[in-house]
Amino acid sequence: MRLAGLIALALGLALALPGASSAVARATAADSLAVSTWVNATVTIETTFGTIVAMLYEEGAPITTSNFINLSSSGFYDGIKFHRIVDDFVIQTGDPNSKDSNPYNDGTGGSSQTIPLETNDTLTHEDGAFGMARSNDPNSASSQFYICDGAQNGLDGNYAVFGITVEGIDVVRTIASQPVYGLRRPLLQEHPVDDIVMTSVTVSLGYWNNTTAPAGDLGGLGGIFAGPGGTTLLGLILILAVAVAAYLFVPPVRLKLQALLRRIPKASALTGLVRKVLPRRQPR
């Protein structure tokens, strides 16, 4: 009688609680969580030696990446040459002066505005990193930038890192290994002998990616109780636990519950059904 009555009581409470009958179904759906992640913008640089693709650190360097995206989108960089090459260090470009036939003014030009120095401890000069070139004034960066040929952590904290090469690091290596004038032309020691041109620079803008992912740390029971049906399901379990304790250890409550069950048609029917399903205890 005790076991059958308790099971019937639990089933009756499940029917009586608003929304409890669908709590488990809703909780199962809650094991999946809607996740929104930011996908960073990427830049594709077509050069005379191949293609370089970089991801831009929009969240870590918003001022610098915004400046770079605006210049790229306007076509500012198209046709600009790499004017400085130091093998195993950096390759540098972004000066509009490099479009003319005078190599001696390369490296002195820029865009119409400058941006403040923007550093971030989490963004370092790793191999393939994009950084903003500048003069001795920390806030003088405008359009010139460089790409690291190997890690250059000695530059960290002094120059703004704003991207990382994700495709075409071999192209960076190839450009970095091109011959320069060296001591033959002391004023052009790091200037490449042959033209290396960025034929086009295009940006794919960043966006929010809305996906559905497993609940992760809230998996299992945590996922159930955290979901839309979790409150109802947890309440049902707590009521059942209190009812079981009262039924087992408080005789007056047990007698009242038994009388209550006999008055409820559904509960009485369920009690009878449970008795038929459960095996009877055999006498010893």
C-alpha atoms as a PDB file:
ATOM      1  CA  MET A   1       0.000   0.000   0.000  1.00  0.00           C
ATOM      2  CA  ARG A   2       2.772   2.395   0.875  1.00  0.00           C
ATOM      3  CA  LEU A   3       4.674   2.006  -2.389  1.00  0.00           C
ATOM      4  CA  ALA A   4       1.578   2.071  -4.568  1.00  0.00           C
ATOM      5  CA  GLY A   5       0.199   5.082  -2.710  1.00  0.00           C
ATOM      6  CA  LEU A   6       3.453   7.013  -3.038  1.00  0.00           C
ATOM      7  CA  ILE A   7       3.719   6.380  -6.764  1.00  0.00           C
ATOM      8  CA  ALA A   8       0.093   7.385  -7.270  1.00  0.00           C
ATOM      9  CA  LEU A   9       0.680  10.502  -5.185  1.00  0.00           C
ATOM     10  CA  ALA A  10       3.646  11.487  -7.351  1.00  0.00           C
ATOM     11  CA  LEU A  11       1.652  10.972 -10.529  1.00  0.00           C
ATOM     12  CA  GLY A  12      -1.260  12.953  -9.133  1.00  0.00           C
ATOM     13  CA  LEU A  13       1.002  15.856  -8.213  1.00  0.00           C
ATOM     14  CA  ALA A  14       2.527  15.773 -11.669  1.00  0.00           C
ATOM     15  CA  LEU A  15      -0.936  16.183 -13.197  1.00  0.00           C
ATOM     16  CA  ALA A  16      -1.960  18.842 -10.708  1.00  0.00           C
ATOM     17  CA  LEU A  17       1.039  21.183 -11.052  1.00  0.00           C
ATOM     18  CA  PRO A  18       0.670  23.756 -13.869  1.00  0.00           C
ATOM     19  CA  GLY A  19       3.057  22.923 -16.661  1.00  0.00           C
ATOM     20  CA  ALA A  20       4.631  20.019 -14.810  1.00  0.00           C
ATOM     21  CA  SER A  21       3.534  17.467 -17.391  1.00  0.00           C
ATOM     22  CA  SER A  22       5.761  19.140 -19.989  1.00  0.00           C
ATOM     23  CA  ALA A  23       8.613  20.128 -17.688  1.00  0.00           C
ATOM     24  CA  VAL A  24      10.887  17.283 -18.725  1.00  0.00           C
ATOM     25  CA  ALA A  25      10.350  18.000 -22.428  1.00  0.00           C
ATOM     26  CA  ARG A  26      11.114  21.679 -21.927  1.00  0.00           C
ATOM     27  CA  ALA A  27      14.111  20.834 -19.761  1.00  0.00           C
ATOM     28  CA  THR A  28      15.504  18.577 -22.465  1.00  0.00           C
ATOM     29  CA  ALA A  29      15.349  21.479 -24.881  1.00  0.00           C
ATOM     30  CA  ALA A  30      17.117  23.573 -22.262  1.00  0.00           C
ATOM     31  CA  ASP A  31      20.167  21.312 -22.561  1.00  0.00           C
ATOM     32  CA  SER A  32      20.846  23.358 -25.717  1.00  0.00           C
ATOM     33  CA  LEU A  33      21.789  26.998 -25.257  1.00  0.00           C
ATOM     34  CA  ALA A  34      21.657  29.830 -27.775  1.00  0.00           C
ATOM     35  CA  VAL A  35      25.199  31.160 -28.218  1.00  0.00           C
ATOM     36  CA  SER A  36      26.173  34.387 -29.986  1.00  0.00           C
ATOM     37  CA  THR A  37      29.824  34.732 -30.955  1.00  0.00           C
ATOM     38  CA  TRP A  38      31.547  37.546 -32.812  1.00  0.00           C
ATOM     39  CA  VAL A  39      33.338  36.496 -36.000  1.00  0.00           C
ATOM     40  CA  ASN A  40      36.212  38.903 -36.654  1.00  0.00           C
ATOM     41  CA  ALA A  41      36.654  40.668 -39.965  1.00  0.00           C
ATOM     42  CA  THR A  42      39.264  39.329 -42.362  1.00  0.00           C
ATOM     43  CA  VAL A  43      41.392  41.113 -44.936  1.00  0.00           C
ATOM     44  CA  THR A  44      42.607  39.612 -48.201  1.00  0.00           C
ATOM     45  CA  ILE A  45      45.730  41.170 -49.684  1.00  0.00           C
ATOM     46  CA  GLU A  46      46.532  40.243 -53.268  1.00  0.00           C
ATOM     47  CA  THR A  47      50.203  40.840 -54.040  1.00  0.00           C
ATOM     48  CA  THR A  48      52.491  40.200 -56.980  1.00  0.00           C
ATOM     49  CA  PHE A  49      53.840  37.216 -55.013  1.00  0.00           C
ATOM     50  CA  GLY A  50      50.533  35.698 -53.907  1.00  0.00           C
ATOM     51  CA  THR A  51      47.677  36.151 -51.460  1.00  0.00           C
ATOM     52  CA  ILE A  52      47.834  36.961 -47.747  1.00  0.00           C
ATOM     53  CA  VAL A  53      44.717  36.601 -45.586  1.00  0.00           C
ATOM     54  CA  ALA A  54      44.597  37.982 -42.049  1.00  0.00           C
ATOM     55  CA  MET A  55      42.054  38.026 -39.250  1.00  0.00           C
ATOM     56  CA  LEU A  56      41.607  41.425 -37.627  1.00  0.00           C
ATOM     57  CA  TYR A  57      41.438  41.776 -33.833  1.00  0.00           C
ATOM     58  CA  GLU A  58      38.344  43.965 -33.752  1.00  0.00           C
ATOM     59  CA  GLU A  59      37.601  43.403 -30.073  1.00  0.00           C
ATOM     60  CA  GLY A  60      41.197  43.780 -28.890  1.00  0.00           C
ATOM     61  CA  ALA A  61      42.137  46.754 -31.080  1.00  0.00           C
ATOM     62  CA  PRO A  62      38.889  48.496 -32.140  1.00  0.00           C
ATOM     63  CA  ILE A  63      40.397  51.884 -33.046  1.00  0.00           C
ATOM     64  CA  THR A  64      43.221  50.441 -35.137  1.00  0.00           C
ATOM     65  CA  THR A  65      41.086  47.860 -36.950  1.00  0.00           C
ATOM     66  CA  SER A  66      38.377  50.430 -37.689  1.00  0.00           C
ATOM     67  CA  ASN A  67      40.977  52.714 -39.274  1.00  0.00           C
ATOM     68  CA  PHE A  68      42.418  49.850 -41.303  1.00  0.00           C
ATOM     69  CA  ILE A  69      38.992  48.633 -42.466  1.00  0.00           C
ATOM     70  CA  ASN A  70      37.975  52.125 -43.558  1.00  0.00           C
ATOM     71  CA  LEU A  71      41.157  52.598 -45.579  1.00  0.00           C
ATOM     72  CA  SER A  72      40.896  49.148 -47.157  1.00  0.00           C
ATOM     73  CA  SER A  73      37.219  49.558 -48.040  1.00  0.00           C
ATOM     74  CA  SER A  74      37.908  52.892 -49.735  1.00  0.00           C
ATOM     75  CA  GLY A  75      40.550  51.351 -52.013  1.00  0.00           C
ATOM     76  CA  PHE A  76      43.315  53.359 -50.353  1.00  0.00           C
ATOM     77  CA  TYR A  77      45.773  50.436 -50.290  1.00  0.00           C
ATOM     78  CA  ASP A  78      45.236  49.234 -53.851  1.00  0.00           C
ATOM     79  CA  GLY A  79      48.431  49.672 -55.865  1.00  0.00           C
ATOM     80  CA  ILE A  80      50.649  50.518 -52.868  1.00  0.00           C
ATOM     81  CA  LYS A  81      54.056  48.778 -52.742  1.00  0.00           C
ATOM     82  CA  PHE A  82      56.053  47.147 -49.979  1.00  0.00           C
ATOM     83  CA  HIS A  83      58.772  49.721 -49.385  1.00  0.00           C
ATOM     84  CA  ARG A  84      60.680  48.115 -46.514  1.00  0.00           C
ATOM     85  CA  ILE A  85      61.907  44.521 -46.201  1.00  0.00           C
ATOM     86  CA  VAL A  86      63.988  43.059 -43.385  1.00  0.00           C
ATOM     87  CA  ASP A  87      64.318  39.290 -43.610  1.00  0.00           C
ATOM     88  CA  ASP A  88      63.372  37.485 -40.375  1.00  0.00           C
ATOM     89  CA  PHE A  89      61.908  40.727 -39.047  1.00  0.00           C
ATOM     90  CA  VAL A  90      59.102  42.552 -40.915  1.00  0.00           C
ATOM     91  CA  ILE A  91      57.780  43.507 -44.326  1.00  0.00           C
ATOM     92  CA  GLN A  92      56.291  47.018 -44.373  1.00  0.00           C
ATOM     93  CA  THR A  93      53.798  48.739 -46.667  1.00  0.00           C
ATOM     94  CA  GLY A  94      50.882  51.197 -46.653  1.00  0.00           C
ATOM     95  CA  ASP A  95      52.615  54.378 -47.827  1.00  0.00           C
ATOM     96  CA  PRO A  96      50.794  56.046 -50.765  1.00  0.00           C
ATOM     97  CA  ASN A  97      54.080  57.715 -51.744  1.00  0.00           C
ATOM     98  CA  SER A  98      55.245  54.319 -53.004  1.00  0.00           C
ATOM     99  CA  LYS A  99      52.898  54.671 -55.977  1.00  0.00           C
ATOM    100  CA  ASP A 100      55.177  57.246 -57.601  1.00  0.00           C
ATOM    101  CA  SER A 101      58.532  56.573 -59.255  1.00  0.00           C
ATOM    102  CA  ASN A 102      60.618  58.117 -56.479  1.00  0.00           C
ATOM    103  CA  PRO A 103      61.761  55.464 -53.972  1.00  0.00           C
ATOM    104  CA  TYR A 104      63.443  58.057 -51.773  1.00  0.00           C
ATOM    105  CA  ASN A 105      60.134  59.370 -50.395  1.00  0.00           C
ATOM    106  CA  ASP A 106      58.813  55.906 -49.599  1.00  0.00           C
ATOM    107  CA  GLY A 107      58.078  55.510 -45.921  1.00  0.00           C
ATOM    108  CA  THR A 108      57.368  59.174 -45.294  1.00  0.00           C
ATOM    109  CA  GLY A 109      53.699  59.307 -46.311  1.00  0.00           C
ATOM    110  CA  GLY A 110      50.376  58.219 -44.870  1.00  0.00           C
ATOM    111  CA  SER A 111      46.667  58.897 -44.861  1.00  0.00           C
ATOM    112  CA  SER A 112      44.958  62.148 -43.940  1.00  0.00           C
ATOM    113  CA  GLN A 113      44.535  61.290 -40.255  1.00  0.00           C
ATOM    114  CA  THR A 114      46.429  59.640 -37.432  1.00  0.00           C
ATOM    115  CA  ILE A 115      45.220  57.371 -34.637  1.00  0.00           C
ATOM    116  CA  PRO A 116      46.385  56.957 -31.029  1.00  0.00           C
ATOM    117  CA  LEU A 117      48.645  54.092 -30.003  1.00  0.00           C
ATOM    118  CA  GLU A 118      46.460  51.150 -29.031  1.00  0.00           C
ATOM    119  CA  THR A 119      48.216  48.288 -27.244  1.00  0.00           C
ATOM    120  CA  ASN A 120      46.757  45.192 -25.651  1.00  0.00           C
ATOM    121  CA  ASP A 121      48.646  42.758 -23.440  1.00  0.00           C
ATOM    122  CA  THR A 122      46.872  39.814 -25.065  1.00  0.00           C
ATOM    123  CA  LEU A 123      47.881  40.843 -28.601  1.00  0.00           C
ATOM    124  CA  THR A 124      51.551  40.157 -29.230  1.00  0.00           C
ATOM    125  CA  HIS A 125      53.961  40.221 -32.144  1.00  0.00           C
ATOM    126  CA  GLU A 126      53.766  36.541 -32.953  1.00  0.00           C
ATOM    127  CA  ASP A 127      54.751  35.137 -36.330  1.00  0.00           C
ATOM    128  CA  GLY A 128      52.511  36.680 -38.996  1.00  0.00           C
ATOM    129  CA  ALA A 129      51.160  39.453 -36.761  1.00  0.00           C
ATOM    130  CA  PHE A 130      49.977  42.712 -38.338  1.00  0.00           C
ATOM    131  CA  GLY A 131      51.172  45.891 -36.615  1.00  0.00           C
ATOM    132  CA  MET A 132      50.892  49.643 -37.215  1.00  0.00           C
ATOM    133  CA  ALA A 133      54.047  51.484 -38.182  1.00  0.00           C
ATOM    134  CA  ARG A 134      54.633  54.974 -36.774  1.00  0.00           C
ATOM    135  CA  SER A 135      57.247  57.665 -36.176  1.00  0.00           C
ATOM    136  CA  ASN A 136      58.787  58.486 -32.797  1.00  0.00           C
ATOM    137  CA  ASP A 137      55.443  59.966 -31.786  1.00  0.00           C
ATOM    138  CA  PRO A 138      53.392  57.049 -30.332  1.00  0.00           C
ATOM    139  CA  ASN A 139      50.187  58.593 -31.703  1.00  0.00           C
ATOM    140  CA  SER A 140      51.397  59.129 -35.272  1.00  0.00           C
ATOM    141  CA  ALA A 141      50.193  55.894 -36.922  1.00  0.00           C
ATOM    142  CA  SER A 142      48.005  56.452 -39.984  1.00  0.00           C
ATOM    143  CA  SER A 143      48.152  53.941 -42.845  1.00  0.00           C
ATOM    144  CA  GLN A 144      51.535  52.229 -42.857  1.00  0.00           C
ATOM    145  CA  PHE A 145      51.610  48.727 -41.398  1.00  0.00           C
ATOM    146  CA  TYR A 146      53.952  45.744 -41.227  1.00  0.00           C
ATOM    147  CA  ILE A 147      53.689  41.969 -41.110  1.00  0.00           C
ATOM    148  CA  CYS A 148      56.019  40.011 -38.840  1.00  0.00           C
ATOM    149  CA  ASP A 149      58.348  37.467 -40.431  1.00  0.00           C
ATOM    150  CA  GLY A 150      58.795  35.386 -37.285  1.00  0.00           C
ATOM    151  CA  ALA A 151      57.886  36.358 -33.724  1.00  0.00           C
ATOM    152  CA  GLN A 152      59.062  39.861 -32.756  1.00  0.00           C
ATOM    153  CA  ASN A 153      58.108  40.139 -29.106  1.00  0.00           C
ATOM    154  CA  GLY A 154      60.606  42.940 -28.557  1.00  0.00           C
ATOM    155  CA  LEU A 155      58.040  45.217 -30.220  1.00  0.00           C
ATOM    156  CA  ASP A 156      55.263  44.348 -27.766  1.00  0.00           C
ATOM    157  CA  GLY A 157      53.807  47.326 -25.916  1.00  0.00           C
ATOM    158  CA  ASN A 158      55.331  49.883 -28.267  1.00  0.00           C
ATOM    159  CA  TYR A 159      53.371  49.203 -31.435  1.00  0.00           C
ATOM    160  CA  ALA A 160      49.729  48.316 -32.036  1.00  0.00           C
ATOM    161  CA  VAL A 161      49.076  44.717 -33.055  1.00  0.00           C
ATOM    162  CA  PHE A 162      45.754  44.488 -34.869  1.00  0.00           C
ATOM    163  CA  GLY A 163      45.682  41.231 -36.831  1.00  0.00           C
ATOM    164  CA  ILE A 164      47.269  37.876 -37.569  1.00  0.00           C
ATOM    165  CA  THR A 165      48.033  36.045 -40.811  1.00  0.00           C
ATOM    166  CA  VAL A 166      45.743  33.020 -41.225  1.00  0.00           C
ATOM    167  CA  GLU A 167      46.644  32.165 -44.826  1.00  0.00           C
ATOM    168  CA  GLY A 168      49.692  32.969 -46.932  1.00  0.00           C
ATOM    169  CA  ILE A 169      52.500  33.006 -44.353  1.00  0.00           C
ATOM    170  CA  ASP A 170      54.601  31.463 -47.140  1.00  0.00           C
ATOM    171  CA  VAL A 171      53.933  34.603 -49.193  1.00  0.00           C
ATOM    172  CA  VAL A 172      55.165  36.711 -46.276  1.00  0.00           C
ATOM    173  CA  ARG A 173      58.343  34.613 -46.191  1.00  0.00           C
ATOM    174  CA  THR A 174      58.821  34.986 -49.951  1.00  0.00           C
ATOM    175  CA  ILE A 175      58.450  38.763 -49.844  1.00  0.00           C
ATOM    176  CA  ALA A 176      60.783  38.996 -46.839  1.00  0.00           C
ATOM    177  CA  SER A 177      63.490  37.127 -48.746  1.00  0.00           C
ATOM    178  CA  GLN A 178      63.494  39.430 -51.791  1.00  0.00           C
ATOM    179  CA  PRO A 179      66.709  41.345 -52.513  1.00  0.00           C
ATOM    180  CA  VAL A 180      67.104  44.893 -51.205  1.00  0.00           C
ATOM    181  CA  TYR A 181      69.525  47.657 -52.196  1.00  0.00           C
ATOM    182  CA  GLY A 182      71.597  47.315 -49.040  1.00  0.00           C
ATOM    183  CA  LEU A 183      74.826  49.256 -48.890  1.00  0.00           C
ATOM    184  CA  ARG A 184      74.725  49.953 -52.618  1.00  0.00           C
ATOM    185  CA  ARG A 185      72.233  52.700 -51.803  1.00  0.00           C
ATOM    186  CA  PRO A 186      72.637  53.609 -48.131  1.00  0.00           C
ATOM    187  CA  LEU A 187      69.397  55.623 -48.066  1.00  0.00           C
ATOM    188  CA  LEU A 188      67.512  52.638 -49.493  1.00  0.00           C
ATOM    189  CA  GLN A 189      69.187  49.838 -47.576  1.00  0.00           C
ATOM    190  CA  GLU A 190      65.889  48.088 -46.725  1.00  0.00           C
ATOM    191  CA  HIS A 191      64.050  49.012 -49.917  1.00  0.00           C
ATOM    192  CA  PRO A 192      63.335  46.107 -52.295  1.00  0.00           C
ATOM    193  CA  VAL A 193      65.082  46.251 -55.637  1.00  0.00           C
ATOM    194  CA  ASP A 194      61.989  45.138 -57.554  1.00  0.00           C
ATOM    195  CA  ASP A 195      58.448  46.376 -57.069  1.00  0.00           C
ATOM    196  CA  ILE A 196      56.257  44.267 -54.775  1.00  0.00           C
ATOM    197  CA  VAL A 197      52.726  45.575 -55.111  1.00  0.00           C
ATOM    198  CA  MET A 198      49.468  45.104 -53.205  1.00  0.00           C
ATOM    199  CA  THR A 199      47.224  44.876 -56.248  1.00  0.00           C
ATOM    200  CA  SER A 200      44.058  44.790 -54.146  1.00  0.00           C
ATOM    201  CA  VAL A 201      43.088  44.834 -50.473  1.00  0.00           C
ATOM    202  CA  THR A 202      39.540  43.732 -49.601  1.00  0.00           C
ATOM    203  CA  VAL A 203      37.812  43.273 -46.261  1.00  0.00           C
ATOM    204  CA  SER A 204      35.127  40.785 -45.235  1.00  0.00           C
ATOM    205  CA  LEU A 205      33.327  42.520 -42.364  1.00  0.00           C
ATOM    206  CA  GLY A 206      32.822  40.849 -38.993  1.00  0.00           C
ATOM    207  CA  TYR A 207      29.415  39.624 -37.845  1.00  0.00           C
ATOM    208  CA  TRP A 208      27.536  37.991 -34.989  1.00  0.00           C
ATOM    209  CA  ASN A 209      27.128  34.239 -35.428  1.00  0.00           C
ATOM    210  CA  ASN A 210      24.060  32.906 -33.603  1.00  0.00           C
ATOM    211  CA  THR A 211      24.344  29.179 -32.990  1.00  0.00           C
ATOM    212  CA  THR A 212      22.960  26.522 -30.674  1.00  0.00           C
ATOM    213  CA  ALA A 213      25.473  24.711 -28.513  1.00  0.00           C
ATOM    214  CA  PRO A 214      25.311  22.081 -25.745  1.00  0.00           C
ATOM    215  CA  ALA A 215      24.766  23.454 -22.275  1.00  0.00           C
ATOM    216  CA  GLY A 216      28.321  22.524 -21.306  1.00  0.00           C
ATOM    217  CA  ASP A 217      28.825  23.023 -17.579  1.00  0.00           C
ATOM    218  CA  LEU A 218      25.066  23.002 -17.096  1.00  0.00           C
ATOM    219  CA  GLY A 219      24.731  19.530 -18.617  1.00  0.00           C
ATOM    220  CA  GLY A 220      22.919  16.664 -16.883  1.00  0.00           C
ATOM    221  CA  LEU A 221      20.778  17.718 -13.953  1.00  0.00           C
ATOM    222  CA  GLY A 222      22.281  21.202 -14.068  1.00  0.00           C
ATOM    223  CA  GLY A 223      20.999  21.635 -17.616  1.00  0.00           C
ATOM    224  CA  ILE A 224      17.535  20.436 -16.615  1.00  0.00           C
ATOM    225  CA  PHE A 225      17.157  22.720 -13.622  1.00  0.00           C
ATOM    226  CA  ALA A 226      18.576  25.714 -15.548  1.00  0.00           C
ATOM    227  CA  GLY A 227      16.055  25.393 -18.367  1.00  0.00           C
ATOM    228  CA  PRO A 228      12.542  26.818 -18.755  1.00  0.00           C
ATOM    229  CA  GLY A 229      11.020  23.701 -17.140  1.00  0.00           C
ATOM    230  CA  GLY A 230      13.635  23.513 -14.432  1.00  0.00           C
ATOM    231  CA  THR A 231      11.728  25.487 -11.799  1.00  0.00           C
ATOM    232  CA  THR A 232       8.610  23.352 -12.119  1.00  0.00           C
ATOM    233  CA  LEU A 233      10.582  20.100 -12.167  1.00  0.00           C
ATOM    234  CA  LEU A 234      12.603  21.056  -9.127  1.00  0.00           C
ATOM    235  CA  GLY A 235       9.428  22.050  -7.286  1.00  0.00           C
ATOM    236  CA  LEU A 236       7.889  18.672  -8.122  1.00  0.00           C
ATOM    237  CA  ILE A 237      10.907  16.821  -6.743  1.00  0.00           C
ATOM    238  CA  LEU A 238      10.882  18.856  -3.535  1.00  0.00           C
ATOM    239  CA  ILE A 239       7.124  18.266  -3.011  1.00  0.00           C
ATOM    240  CA  LEU A 240       7.586  14.556  -3.642  1.00  0.00           C
ATOM    241  CA  ALA A 241      10.473  14.366  -1.159  1.00  0.00           C
ATOM    242  CA  VAL A 242       8.442  16.114   1.547  1.00  0.00           C
ATOM    243  CA  ALA A 243       5.432  13.894   0.841  1.00  0.00           C
ATOM    244  CA  VAL A 244       7.513  10.716   1.070  1.00  0.00           C
ATOM    245  CA  ALA A 245       9.093  11.801   4.342  1.00  0.00           C
ATOM    246  CA  ALA A 246       5.729  12.730   5.826  1.00  0.00           C
ATOM    247  CA  TYR A 247       4.138   9.477   4.632  1.00  0.00           C
ATOM    248  CA  LEU A 248       6.888   7.327   6.118  1.00  0.00           C
ATOM    249  CA  PHE A 249       7.549   9.046   9.410  1.00  0.00           C
ATOM    250  CA  VAL A 250       4.353  10.910  10.413  1.00  0.00           C
ATOM    251  CA  PRO A 251       1.437   8.451  10.945  1.00  0.00           C
ATOM    252  CA  PRO A 252      -1.292  11.137  11.152  1.00  0.00           C
ATOM    253  CA  VAL A 253      -0.130  12.582   7.837  1.00  0.00           C
ATOM    254  CA  ARG A 254      -0.044   9.112   6.317  1.00  0.00           C
ATOM    255  CA  LEU A 255      -3.634   8.459   7.373  1.00  0.00           C
ATOM    256  CA  LYS A 256      -4.775  11.805   5.936  1.00  0.00           C
ATOM    257  CA  LEU A 257      -2.961  11.184   2.645  1.00  0.00           C
ATOM    258  CA  GLN A 258      -4.494   7.750   2.348  1.00  0.00           C
ATOM    259  CA  ALA A 259      -7.952   9.217   2.962  1.00  0.00           C
ATOM    260  CA  LEU A 260      -7.223  11.977   0.425  1.00  0.00           C
ATOM    261  CA  LEU A 261      -6.152   9.471  -2.216  1.00  0.00           C
ATOM    262  CA  ARG A 262      -9.381   7.526  -1.771  1.00  0.00           C
ATOM    263  CA  ARG A 263     -11.389  10.690  -2.454  1.00  0.00           C
ATOM    264  CA  ILE A 264      -9.557  11.505  -5.720  1.00  0.00           C
ATOM    265  CA  PRO A 265     -10.840   9.338  -8.575  1.00  0.00           C
ATOM    266  CA  LYS A 266      -7.707   9.721 -10.675  1.00  0.00           C
ATOM    267  CA  ALA A 267      -5.434   8.958  -7.775  1.00  0.00           C
ATOM    268  CA  SER A 268      -7.502   5.933  -6.756  1.00  0.00           C
ATOM    269  CA  ALA A 269      -7.453   4.627 -10.301  1.00  0.00           C
ATOM    270  CA  LEU A 270      -3.720   5.160 -10.507  1.00  0.00           C
ATOM    271  CA  THR A 271      -3.237   3.393  -7.197  1.00  0.00           C
ATOM    272  CA  GLY A 272      -5.132   0.398  -8.548  1.00  0.00           C
ATOM    273  CA  LEU A 273      -3.131   0.454 -11.758  1.00  0.00           C
ATOM    274  CA  VAL A 274       0.164   0.592  -9.886  1.00  0.00           C
ATOM    275  CA  ARG A 275      -0.897  -2.321  -7.709  1.00  0.00           C
ATOM    276  CA  LYS A 276      -1.537  -4.412 -10.821  1.00  0.00           C
ATOM    277  CA  VAL A 277       1.804  -3.505 -12.373  1.00  0.00           C
ATOM    278  CA  LEU A 278       3.951  -3.942  -9.266  1.00  0.00           C
ATOM    279  CA  PRO A 279       4.667  -7.540  -8.191  1.00  0.00           C
ATOM    280  CA  ARG A 280       3.017  -8.532  -4.944  1.00  0.00           C
ATOM    281  CA  ARG A 281       5.260  -9.356  -2.016  1.00  0.00           C
ATOM    282  CA  GLN A 282       5.278 -13.102  -1.550  1.00  0.00           C
ATOM    283  CA  PRO A 283       4.845 -14.492   1.959  1.00  0.00           C
ATOM    284  CA  ARG A 284       7.969 -15.970   3.489  1.00  0.00           C
END
